[in-house]
Amino acid sequence: MKGVLLFNPINVVHDRQIDLFMRYLTGWEIRCIYNPALPWFSAKPRHEGREVVWFRNRRPPASVFDGVRGIVMFTGQPRVEPCGLIEKAMLRSIPVMIIEEVHQMALEQGDVNNYVLPVDRLFAASEYERGEFVKAGVPECVVEATGCPLGFRYGRRSSPEDKRMLKARLGLSENKRTALLSLRYITPNGETAEIRDATIGVVSRSLPEGYELLVKPHPGEQDREIAKKVRLVSKAAVVTDPRIPIDELLDVSDVLFDRGNSQAVFDALWKGLPVIVVPMGKRTIFHGIADDIIAENEYGISRAFDAIKKNGMDIYRQVFERYLNISPEDALKRTMSRIDEAARRNELYDRDEKILLIALFWAWMGYDIQGRRVMRSLDRRRPKIDRIADSIESLVSMSATQDDLNILRQWTGDGFGQWLLASMWIKESFFSGRGIRKDDEEWLEDFPPKMNNSHFANYNRMLGAMRGDSAPWRVKLDLGVKTAAKSLAWEFSRFS
């Protein structure tokens, strides 16, 4: 055996796809570590050929690393479990690899990036994604385009008999065409109940004769009344169980409706299934390159059907050229090959750089002690590392000087790290009573950033409070509010 590969799936799609990955990772023992706080993993997964381990008190048990030569993750979100896993791996010189599970940089248009933690290899879904990650601050030597291997199962179509049986099981009419509507997860700054109802309404009213509506809730949907709520808007709609894989539903569908920026649209296109985008005011990846299939109302949907009938799948040609230049099958082969190679060769990024970054992430999340503790493993004989470490320690203890700030700003550059640094400077300015100085105003003008905006909520409240008071600024907070503001950890722990 080559050793152990440790996977950290965080949803059922990852978990299911690992079975396929194992076919390409011959000679490796597969171990999986799960988060028991995630509702879809509340019952112990049972998988043939895999060893199952659980996080304990949100930390990986030491024994999980026995024999491990590589760790494969699907998220680099700044949360306790992934931070802890990455930290322990880097201290053991185990390469950590992240697979980009969706074409996120394209789909989110810079609003969300779940791959910000420091790792050794980031396998991006396309050349476009790779370029966007580099712009966001990921070192070029870390990120490479291998494609999206989680889409491989979508490359096949069911036989007519399979399709007939599945339609019967879902309660769909055999003699009607199926229009599939994929719903998004409800979030305060994204999908809302009002937007969802409006989308269902406009699609159901616009379907040509001979079509029926099949509604697929998001796989993370927790509302047990979702089917009832959908039918209040569209009585005739067939609503599926959220847990049914969307690839099965695409196989029985004739067209996909979506708000545009979701992995489902790429999955449908790989199957040769036409997509009509109902963005509800949101800019999508289709704007400017496939405008004919974008519909904001009933008339737009009718026009989109006409355009698809006239041009077929060629209407999506520029979408394929820009975003889908690596097929799912090639992506699977490339990504698994690189995982095997990186683990065998022990491909590691600069250890001290990763330690400094993970320490900064810990402090930013509110775990100051953990941030200081991990920095004890630095090689302080390197002058540059020593200077940066001293400045981070000063920042974490809220005693940083302008010189410390200058050193750290030069180190973080224009990547995501600059916003962690800005957050910590705001925190120091807030609790020291110093307030925002004139020199800080230009630097903090764009705070919080567009990317992962909600993660900066508490720091933005501090900044807003300081900007609202006249100079010299003095904070006046009761003990309860001050305690809550100092401890930012709750912001990142709810669904981690």
Protein backbone atom coordinates (compact mmCIF):
# COMPACT_ATOMS: atom_id res chain seq x y z
CA MET A 1 0.00 0.00 0.00
CA LYS A 2 1.12 3.57 -0.72
CA GLY A 3 -0.29 4.84 2.56
CA VAL A 4 -3.44 6.61 3.71
CA LEU A 5 -5.35 9.42 2.04
CA LEU A 6 -7.58 11.30 4.49
CA PHE A 7 -10.73 12.84 2.99
CA ASN A 8 -12.91 15.42 4.73
CA PRO A 9 -16.33 15.43 3.02
CA ILE A 10 -18.71 18.11 4.24
CA ASN A 11 -21.85 17.17 2.31
CA VAL A 12 -23.50 14.10 0.83
CA VAL A 13 -22.29 14.89 -2.71
CA HIS A 14 -18.65 14.76 -1.60
CA ASP A 15 -19.33 11.63 0.40
CA ARG A 16 -20.95 9.85 -2.52
CA GLN A 17 -18.27 10.91 -5.01
CA ILE A 18 -15.42 9.50 -2.92
CA ASP A 19 -16.65 6.02 -3.91
CA LEU A 20 -15.83 6.96 -7.51
CA PHE A 21 -12.51 8.57 -6.56
CA MET A 22 -11.39 5.32 -4.93
CA ARG A 23 -11.42 3.55 -8.30
CA TYR A 24 -8.70 5.91 -9.52
CA LEU A 25 -6.64 5.94 -6.33
CA THR A 26 -5.40 2.38 -6.46
CA GLY A 27 -2.94 1.35 -3.80
CA TRP A 28 -4.21 3.90 -1.27
CA GLU A 29 -6.11 3.24 1.92
CA ILE A 30 -9.02 5.70 2.21
CA ARG A 31 -9.97 7.24 5.55
CA CYS A 32 -12.74 9.84 6.02
CA ILE A 33 -13.19 12.32 8.87
CA TYR A 34 -16.69 13.71 9.41
CA ASN A 35 -18.18 16.58 11.38
CA PRO A 36 -20.98 15.18 13.59
CA ALA A 37 -22.54 18.66 13.82
CA LEU A 38 -23.56 18.55 10.17
CA PRO A 39 -27.17 17.29 9.97
CA TRP A 40 -26.57 15.00 6.97
CA PHE A 41 -23.79 13.23 8.92
CA SER A 42 -25.66 12.92 12.23
CA ALA A 43 -25.91 9.17 11.65
CA LYS A 44 -22.62 7.35 11.15
CA PRO A 45 -21.90 6.87 7.44
CA ARG A 46 -21.21 3.29 6.44
CA HIS A 47 -18.99 2.82 3.42
CA GLU A 48 -17.28 -0.31 2.24
CA GLY A 49 -13.55 0.15 1.97
CA ARG A 50 -13.34 3.30 4.09
CA GLU A 51 -12.34 3.92 7.66
CA VAL A 52 -14.65 6.42 9.39
CA VAL A 53 -13.39 8.93 11.98
CA TRP A 54 -15.17 11.84 13.68
CA PHE A 55 -14.03 15.26 14.85
CA ARG A 56 -14.01 15.37 18.66
CA ASN A 57 -14.96 18.67 20.24
CA ARG A 58 -14.45 20.20 16.78
CA ARG A 59 -10.82 19.03 16.61
CA PRO A 60 -9.30 16.08 14.70
CA PRO A 61 -8.11 13.27 16.99
CA ALA A 62 -4.34 12.68 16.80
CA SER A 63 -4.84 9.08 15.67
CA VAL A 64 -6.55 10.22 12.46
CA PHE A 65 -3.13 11.17 11.04
CA ASP A 66 -1.57 7.72 11.52
CA GLY A 67 -0.05 6.66 8.20
CA VAL A 68 -1.56 9.65 6.34
CA ARG A 69 0.46 10.95 3.38
CA GLY A 70 -2.10 13.37 1.98
CA ILE A 71 -5.29 15.15 3.04
CA VAL A 72 -8.08 15.97 0.59
CA MET A 73 -10.63 18.63 1.48
CA PHE A 74 -13.55 20.23 -0.33
CA THR A 75 -13.60 23.58 1.44
CA GLY A 76 -11.16 26.15 2.74
CA GLN A 77 -13.73 28.11 4.72
CA PRO A 78 -12.43 29.87 7.86
CA ARG A 79 -14.08 27.58 10.38
CA VAL A 80 -12.79 25.64 13.33
CA GLU A 81 -12.76 22.13 11.81
CA PRO A 82 -10.92 22.90 8.55
CA CYS A 83 -8.53 25.28 10.33
CA GLY A 84 -7.69 22.64 12.90
CA LEU A 85 -7.22 19.94 10.27
CA ILE A 86 -4.93 22.12 8.16
CA GLU A 87 -2.91 23.25 11.18
CA LYS A 88 -2.26 19.71 12.41
CA ALA A 89 -1.35 18.57 8.89
CA MET A 90 1.15 21.38 8.32
CA LEU A 91 2.86 20.69 11.64
CA ARG A 92 3.25 17.06 10.52
CA SER A 93 4.41 18.03 7.00
CA ILE A 94 1.42 16.32 5.39
CA PRO A 95 0.33 17.96 2.12
CA VAL A 96 -3.22 19.35 2.17
CA MET A 97 -5.11 19.48 -1.12
CA ILE A 98 -8.47 21.10 -1.82
CA ILE A 99 -10.75 20.18 -4.70
CA GLU A 100 -12.89 23.07 -5.90
CA GLU A 101 -16.28 21.39 -5.77
CA VAL A 102 -18.02 23.87 -8.09
CA HIS A 103 -17.02 26.67 -10.47
CA GLN A 104 -17.35 29.05 -7.55
CA MET A 105 -15.45 32.11 -8.74
CA ALA A 106 -17.58 32.19 -11.90
CA LEU A 107 -20.86 31.33 -10.21
CA GLU A 108 -20.51 33.77 -7.33
CA GLN A 109 -18.98 36.59 -9.41
CA GLY A 110 -16.54 37.46 -6.64
CA ASP A 111 -19.11 37.47 -3.83
CA VAL A 112 -18.08 34.18 -2.21
CA ASN A 113 -14.80 32.30 -1.97
CA ASN A 114 -14.79 29.15 0.16
CA TYR A 115 -11.12 28.41 -0.56
CA VAL A 116 -9.25 31.06 1.43
CA LEU A 117 -7.33 28.95 3.97
CA PRO A 118 -3.63 28.23 3.26
CA VAL A 119 -3.07 24.82 1.67
CA ASP A 120 -0.43 23.09 -0.43
CA ARG A 121 -2.48 22.47 -3.58
CA LEU A 122 -5.77 23.92 -4.81
CA PHE A 123 -7.26 22.05 -7.76
CA ALA A 124 -9.41 24.57 -9.65
CA ALA A 125 -12.38 23.72 -11.85
CA SER A 126 -11.12 25.59 -14.95
CA GLU A 127 -8.47 27.95 -16.25
CA TYR A 128 -10.86 30.81 -15.56
CA GLU A 129 -11.14 29.71 -11.92
CA ARG A 130 -7.38 29.36 -11.59
CA GLY A 131 -6.87 32.91 -12.80
CA GLU A 132 -9.46 34.29 -10.40
CA PHE A 133 -7.89 32.46 -7.45
CA VAL A 134 -4.50 33.95 -8.28
CA LYS A 135 -6.10 37.41 -8.39
CA ALA A 136 -7.58 36.69 -4.95
CA GLY A 137 -4.12 36.04 -3.53
CA VAL A 138 -3.55 32.28 -3.86
CA PRO A 139 0.11 31.68 -4.82
CA GLU A 140 0.44 30.64 -8.46
CA CYS A 141 2.48 27.59 -7.51
CA VAL A 142 -0.37 26.34 -5.31
CA VAL A 143 -3.35 26.56 -7.67
CA GLU A 144 -3.70 24.55 -10.87
CA ALA A 145 -6.59 23.86 -13.24
CA THR A 146 -7.55 20.18 -13.20
CA GLY A 147 -11.29 20.52 -13.81
CA CYS A 148 -14.34 19.72 -11.70
CA PRO A 149 -14.27 15.97 -10.86
CA LEU A 150 -17.52 16.11 -8.92
CA GLY A 151 -19.32 16.55 -12.23
CA PHE A 152 -18.18 13.27 -13.79
CA ARG A 153 -21.40 11.40 -13.07
CA TYR A 154 -23.30 13.92 -15.17
CA GLY A 155 -21.71 12.82 -18.41
CA ARG A 156 -24.21 10.02 -19.05
CA ARG A 157 -27.86 9.92 -20.08
CA SER A 158 -30.35 7.31 -18.94
CA SER A 159 -31.90 4.89 -21.41
CA PRO A 160 -35.53 5.53 -22.47
CA GLU A 161 -36.67 2.71 -20.18
CA ASP A 162 -34.72 4.13 -17.20
CA LYS A 163 -36.26 7.53 -17.90
CA ARG A 164 -39.76 6.10 -18.04
CA MET A 165 -39.35 4.27 -14.74
CA LEU A 166 -37.85 7.29 -12.98
CA LYS A 167 -40.62 9.58 -14.18
CA ALA A 168 -43.16 7.11 -12.83
CA ARG A 169 -41.37 6.97 -9.49
CA LEU A 170 -41.35 10.76 -9.23
CA GLY A 171 -45.03 11.02 -10.15
CA LEU A 172 -44.41 12.70 -13.51
CA SER A 173 -46.63 12.19 -16.55
CA GLU A 174 -45.15 9.87 -19.14
CA ASN A 175 -46.67 11.80 -22.06
CA LYS A 176 -45.50 15.28 -20.99
CA ARG A 177 -42.17 17.04 -21.18
CA THR A 178 -40.47 17.99 -17.92
CA ALA A 179 -39.25 21.46 -16.98
CA LEU A 180 -36.94 21.17 -13.99
CA LEU A 181 -36.59 24.18 -11.66
CA SER A 182 -33.59 24.06 -9.33
CA LEU A 183 -34.04 26.08 -6.14
CA ARG A 184 -31.25 27.75 -4.20
CA TYR A 185 -30.65 27.74 -0.46
CA ILE A 186 -32.35 30.63 1.32
CA THR A 187 -29.83 33.14 2.72
CA PRO A 188 -30.27 36.73 3.96
CA ASN A 189 -28.15 38.26 1.18
CA GLY A 190 -28.97 35.83 -1.64
CA GLU A 191 -32.10 33.76 -2.12
CA THR A 192 -35.13 34.89 -0.12
CA ALA A 193 -38.59 33.37 0.25
CA GLU A 194 -39.99 36.23 -1.84
CA ILE A 195 -37.50 35.68 -4.66
CA ARG A 196 -38.13 31.94 -4.53
CA ASP A 197 -41.91 32.37 -4.81
CA ALA A 198 -41.53 34.87 -7.65
CA THR A 199 -39.24 32.46 -9.55
CA ILE A 200 -41.61 29.53 -9.14
CA GLY A 201 -44.53 31.72 -10.21
CA VAL A 202 -43.02 33.13 -13.39
CA VAL A 203 -41.72 29.74 -14.53
CA SER A 204 -45.00 27.88 -13.86
CA ARG A 205 -47.03 30.52 -15.70
CA SER A 206 -44.73 30.50 -18.72
CA LEU A 207 -44.39 26.83 -19.58
CA PRO A 208 -45.51 25.90 -23.11
CA GLU A 209 -48.35 23.45 -23.54
CA GLY A 210 -47.26 19.87 -22.94
CA TYR A 211 -44.79 20.69 -20.14
CA GLU A 212 -45.09 20.03 -16.42
CA LEU A 213 -43.00 21.60 -13.65
CA LEU A 214 -40.63 19.54 -11.49
CA VAL A 215 -39.16 21.49 -8.55
CA LYS A 216 -35.89 20.39 -6.93
CA PRO A 217 -35.22 21.96 -3.50
CA HIS A 218 -31.60 22.62 -2.51
CA PRO A 219 -29.93 19.50 -0.98
CA GLY A 220 -29.38 21.42 2.26
CA GLU A 221 -33.05 22.38 2.54
CA GLN A 222 -34.29 21.86 6.12
CA ASP A 223 -37.86 23.15 5.76
CA ARG A 224 -40.19 20.15 6.03
CA GLU A 225 -43.00 22.28 4.62
CA ILE A 226 -41.12 23.11 1.41
CA ALA A 227 -43.39 21.02 -0.84
CA LYS A 228 -46.51 22.64 0.60
CA LYS A 229 -45.02 26.12 0.14
CA VAL A 230 -44.12 25.41 -3.48
CA ARG A 231 -47.64 24.21 -4.24
CA LEU A 232 -49.14 27.36 -2.76
CA VAL A 233 -47.49 29.14 -5.70
CA SER A 234 -47.85 26.39 -8.32
CA LYS A 235 -50.54 23.83 -7.54
CA ALA A 236 -49.54 21.46 -10.34
CA ALA A 237 -45.82 21.37 -9.51
CA VAL A 238 -44.17 18.07 -8.62
CA VAL A 239 -41.75 18.63 -5.72
CA THR A 240 -38.90 16.19 -5.15
CA ASP A 241 -37.14 15.12 -2.00
CA PRO A 242 -34.17 17.52 -1.57
CA ARG A 243 -31.84 14.54 -1.14
CA ILE A 244 -32.45 13.09 -4.63
CA PRO A 245 -29.28 13.64 -6.72
CA ILE A 246 -29.92 16.28 -9.34
CA ASP A 247 -28.23 14.19 -12.03
CA GLU A 248 -31.15 11.75 -11.82
CA LEU A 249 -33.61 14.60 -12.28
CA LEU A 250 -31.67 16.06 -15.20
CA ASP A 251 -31.97 12.66 -16.89
CA VAL A 252 -35.77 12.91 -16.97
CA SER A 253 -35.92 16.60 -17.84
CA ASP A 254 -36.16 18.42 -21.15
CA VAL A 255 -35.10 21.88 -19.94
CA LEU A 256 -33.58 23.32 -16.76
CA PHE A 257 -34.70 26.60 -15.20
CA ASP A 258 -32.28 28.22 -12.79
CA ARG A 259 -31.37 31.67 -11.49
CA GLY A 260 -28.12 31.21 -13.40
CA ASN A 261 -25.22 31.01 -10.99
CA SER A 262 -25.34 27.44 -9.75
CA GLN A 263 -23.47 24.25 -10.48
CA ALA A 264 -26.71 22.73 -11.75
CA VAL A 265 -26.51 24.80 -14.96
CA PHE A 266 -23.08 23.36 -15.77
CA ASP A 267 -24.26 19.85 -14.96
CA ALA A 268 -27.19 20.30 -17.34
CA LEU A 269 -25.03 21.69 -20.14
CA TRP A 270 -22.63 18.75 -19.91
CA LYS A 271 -25.64 16.52 -20.45
CA GLY A 272 -26.71 18.49 -23.51
CA LEU A 273 -29.75 19.81 -21.68
CA PRO A 274 -30.86 23.38 -22.53
CA VAL A 275 -30.88 25.93 -19.71
CA ILE A 276 -33.12 28.97 -19.33
CA VAL A 277 -31.90 31.51 -16.80
CA VAL A 278 -34.39 33.43 -14.63
CA PRO A 279 -31.99 35.68 -12.69
CA MET A 280 -34.50 37.82 -10.78
CA GLY A 281 -32.24 40.85 -11.01
CA LYS A 282 -28.95 39.07 -10.35
CA ARG A 283 -26.09 39.29 -12.85
CA THR A 284 -25.06 35.84 -14.06
CA ILE A 285 -22.30 34.13 -15.99
CA PHE A 286 -24.62 34.08 -19.02
CA HIS A 287 -24.92 37.86 -19.31
CA GLY A 288 -23.05 39.13 -22.32
CA ILE A 289 -22.36 35.71 -23.83
CA ALA A 290 -25.77 33.96 -23.92
CA ASP A 291 -28.30 36.76 -23.48
CA ASP A 292 -31.00 35.05 -25.55
CA ILE A 293 -31.68 32.45 -22.84
CA ILE A 294 -31.93 35.01 -20.00
CA ALA A 295 -35.54 35.70 -19.02
CA GLU A 296 -36.88 38.13 -16.41
CA ASN A 297 -40.58 37.54 -17.20
CA GLU A 298 -43.06 35.40 -19.11
CA TYR A 299 -42.23 37.04 -22.42
CA GLY A 300 -38.50 36.42 -21.86
CA ILE A 301 -39.12 32.72 -21.20
CA SER A 302 -41.15 32.41 -24.41
CA ARG A 303 -38.35 34.15 -26.32
CA ALA A 304 -35.74 31.83 -24.76
CA PHE A 305 -37.67 28.73 -25.87
CA ASP A 306 -37.76 30.14 -29.41
CA ALA A 307 -34.00 30.85 -29.38
CA ILE A 308 -33.19 27.33 -28.19
CA LYS A 309 -35.46 25.80 -30.84
CA LYS A 310 -33.70 27.85 -33.51
CA ASN A 311 -30.05 27.51 -32.41
CA GLY A 312 -29.91 24.34 -30.30
CA MET A 313 -26.98 23.91 -27.91
CA ASP A 314 -24.76 26.16 -30.04
CA ILE A 315 -26.36 29.03 -28.18
CA TYR A 316 -24.12 28.09 -25.20
CA ARG A 317 -20.88 27.89 -27.20
CA GLN A 318 -19.20 30.83 -25.46
CA VAL A 319 -20.17 29.44 -22.03
CA PHE A 320 -18.29 26.24 -22.86
CA GLU A 321 -15.29 28.14 -24.19
CA ARG A 322 -14.94 30.33 -21.11
CA TYR A 323 -15.94 28.06 -18.23
CA LEU A 324 -16.23 24.44 -19.36
CA ASN A 325 -12.93 23.81 -21.13
CA ILE A 326 -12.16 20.61 -19.16
CA SER A 327 -14.66 17.76 -19.47
CA PRO A 328 -15.86 16.02 -16.28
CA GLU A 329 -14.15 12.77 -17.32
CA ASP A 330 -10.81 14.50 -17.95
CA ALA A 331 -11.25 16.41 -14.68
CA LEU A 332 -11.64 13.19 -12.73
CA LYS A 333 -8.52 11.64 -14.27
CA ARG A 334 -6.40 14.79 -13.89
CA THR A 335 -7.42 15.52 -10.32
CA MET A 336 -6.99 11.98 -9.04
CA SER A 337 -3.61 11.74 -10.78
CA ARG A 338 -2.45 14.95 -9.10
CA ILE A 339 -3.70 13.82 -5.68
CA ASP A 340 -1.74 10.58 -6.05
CA GLU A 341 1.36 12.45 -7.23
CA ALA A 342 1.27 15.23 -4.64
CA ALA A 343 0.86 12.75 -1.78
CA ARG A 344 3.63 10.46 -2.99
CA ARG A 345 6.06 13.33 -3.61
CA ASN A 346 5.08 15.16 -0.43
CA GLU A 347 4.45 18.41 -2.32
CA LEU A 348 4.40 21.18 0.28
CA TYR A 349 4.10 24.96 0.10
CA ASP A 350 6.27 27.13 2.36
CA ARG A 351 5.63 25.81 5.89
CA ASP A 352 6.27 29.07 7.75
CA GLU A 353 4.09 31.08 5.37
CA LYS A 354 1.22 28.67 6.04
CA ILE A 355 1.75 28.88 9.80
CA LEU A 356 1.69 32.68 9.73
CA LEU A 357 -1.50 32.69 7.68
CA ILE A 358 -3.30 30.09 9.77
CA ALA A 359 -2.32 32.02 12.92
CA LEU A 360 -3.82 35.17 11.41
CA PHE A 361 -7.01 33.27 10.52
CA TRP A 362 -7.30 31.88 14.07
CA ALA A 363 -6.95 35.37 15.56
CA TRP A 364 -9.41 36.85 13.05
CA MET A 365 -12.00 34.22 14.03
CA GLY A 366 -11.55 35.15 17.68
CA TYR A 367 -9.19 32.36 18.77
CA ASP A 368 -6.23 34.52 19.80
CA ILE A 369 -4.58 31.92 22.02
CA GLN A 370 -4.67 29.31 19.26
CA GLY A 371 -3.10 31.80 16.89
CA ARG A 372 -0.21 32.48 19.24
CA ARG A 373 0.23 28.80 20.00
CA VAL A 374 0.65 27.72 16.38
CA MET A 375 3.31 30.38 15.81
CA ARG A 376 5.58 28.64 18.32
CA SER A 377 6.35 26.17 15.53
CA LEU A 378 7.86 28.84 13.26
CA ASP A 379 11.48 28.84 12.19
CA ARG A 380 12.37 32.18 13.76
CA ARG A 381 15.90 31.98 12.38
CA ARG A 382 14.53 33.35 9.11
CA PRO A 383 14.70 37.17 9.53
CA LYS A 384 11.66 37.89 7.36
CA ILE A 385 9.53 35.30 9.15
CA ASP A 386 10.69 36.60 12.54
CA ARG A 387 9.68 40.19 11.70
CA ILE A 388 6.26 39.15 10.41
CA ALA A 389 5.66 36.90 13.43
CA ASP A 390 6.53 39.70 15.86
CA SER A 391 4.11 42.03 14.09
CA ILE A 392 1.31 39.44 14.10
CA GLU A 393 1.83 38.84 17.82
CA SER A 394 1.57 42.58 18.43
CA LEU A 395 -1.57 42.77 16.33
CA VAL A 396 -3.19 39.82 18.11
CA SER A 397 -2.42 41.40 21.50
CA MET A 398 -3.86 44.71 20.21
CA SER A 399 -0.57 46.57 20.65
CA ALA A 400 0.55 46.86 17.01
CA THR A 401 2.29 50.02 15.83
CA GLN A 402 2.20 51.69 12.44
CA ASP A 403 5.49 49.96 11.64
CA ASP A 404 3.90 46.59 12.42
CA LEU A 405 1.00 47.44 10.16
CA ASN A 406 3.31 48.44 7.31
CA ILE A 407 5.25 45.18 7.60
CA LEU A 408 2.05 43.12 7.53
CA ARG A 409 0.47 45.07 4.69
CA GLN A 410 3.53 44.44 2.56
CA TRP A 411 3.37 40.74 3.46
CA THR A 412 -0.36 40.22 2.73
CA GLY A 413 -0.38 42.29 -0.46
CA ASP A 414 -3.72 42.67 -2.24
CA GLY A 415 -5.03 39.17 -1.51
CA PHE A 416 -7.67 38.06 0.96
CA GLY A 417 -5.17 38.37 3.82
CA GLN A 418 -5.33 42.17 3.60
CA TRP A 419 -8.91 42.04 4.88
CA LEU A 420 -7.95 39.88 7.87
CA LEU A 421 -5.27 42.43 8.67
CA ALA A 422 -7.71 45.33 8.29
CA SER A 423 -10.16 43.54 10.61
CA MET A 424 -7.57 43.08 13.33
CA TRP A 425 -6.45 46.72 13.02
CA ILE A 426 -10.09 47.82 13.38
CA LYS A 427 -10.42 45.63 16.47
CA GLU A 428 -7.32 47.18 18.05
CA SER A 429 -8.49 50.69 17.18
CA PHE A 430 -11.92 49.92 18.65
CA PHE A 431 -10.89 48.49 22.01
CA SER A 432 -7.93 50.78 22.58
CA GLY A 433 -10.19 53.81 22.20
CA ARG A 434 -7.85 55.17 19.56
CA GLY A 435 -10.52 55.21 16.87
CA ILE A 436 -9.94 55.50 13.15
CA ARG A 437 -7.13 57.86 12.29
CA LYS A 438 -6.96 59.99 9.20
CA ASP A 439 -4.20 57.76 7.79
CA ASP A 440 -6.55 54.75 8.05
CA GLU A 441 -9.52 56.25 6.23
CA GLU A 442 -8.33 55.66 2.67
CA TRP A 443 -7.13 52.13 3.44
CA LEU A 444 -10.43 51.17 5.09
CA GLU A 445 -12.66 52.94 2.57
CA ASP A 446 -13.66 49.68 0.87
CA PHE A 447 -14.12 47.70 4.10
CA PRO A 448 -15.80 45.25 4.33
CA PRO A 449 -14.80 43.55 1.07
CA LYS A 450 -17.30 42.32 -1.47
CA MET A 451 -15.90 38.79 -1.18
CA ASN A 452 -17.27 36.88 1.84
CA ASN A 453 -18.83 40.12 3.04
CA SER A 454 -20.91 38.58 5.82
CA HIS A 455 -17.82 37.14 7.53
CA PHE A 456 -16.77 40.65 8.45
CA ALA A 457 -20.05 41.68 10.11
CA ASN A 458 -18.72 42.21 13.63
CA TYR A 459 -15.65 44.11 12.48
CA ASN A 460 -17.85 46.28 10.27
CA ARG A 461 -20.01 47.10 13.29
CA MET A 462 -16.91 48.27 15.14
CA LEU A 463 -15.82 50.37 12.19
CA GLY A 464 -19.28 51.89 11.88
CA ALA A 465 -19.35 52.73 15.57
CA MET A 466 -16.01 54.52 15.33
CA ARG A 467 -16.99 56.47 12.25
CA GLY A 468 -20.18 57.56 13.94
CA ASP A 469 -18.53 59.27 16.94
CA SER A 470 -16.73 62.58 16.91
CA ALA A 471 -13.00 62.71 17.64
CA PRO A 472 -11.40 62.07 20.02
CA TRP A 473 -13.33 58.82 19.89
CA ARG A 474 -14.08 56.86 23.06
CA VAL A 475 -16.02 53.61 23.09
CA LYS A 476 -18.83 53.33 25.60
CA LEU A 477 -20.13 49.80 25.81
CA ASP A 478 -21.79 47.85 28.54
CA LEU A 479 -19.95 44.70 29.60
CA GLY A 480 -22.26 42.33 27.74
CA VAL A 481 -21.93 44.06 24.39
CA LYS A 482 -18.17 44.41 24.82
CA THR A 483 -17.78 40.72 25.60
CA ALA A 484 -19.84 39.74 22.57
CA ALA A 485 -17.88 42.07 20.30
CA LYS A 486 -14.52 40.78 21.53
CA SER A 487 -15.42 37.15 21.00
CA LEU A 488 -15.95 36.78 17.26
CA ALA A 489 -15.84 32.98 17.33
CA TRP A 490 -19.63 32.57 17.36
CA GLU A 491 -19.80 34.22 13.93
CA PHE A 492 -18.02 31.28 12.33
CA SER A 493 -19.10 28.34 14.45
CA ARG A 494 -22.79 27.91 13.70
CA PHE A 495 -22.55 25.64 10.64
CA SER A 496 -18.89 24.68 10.65
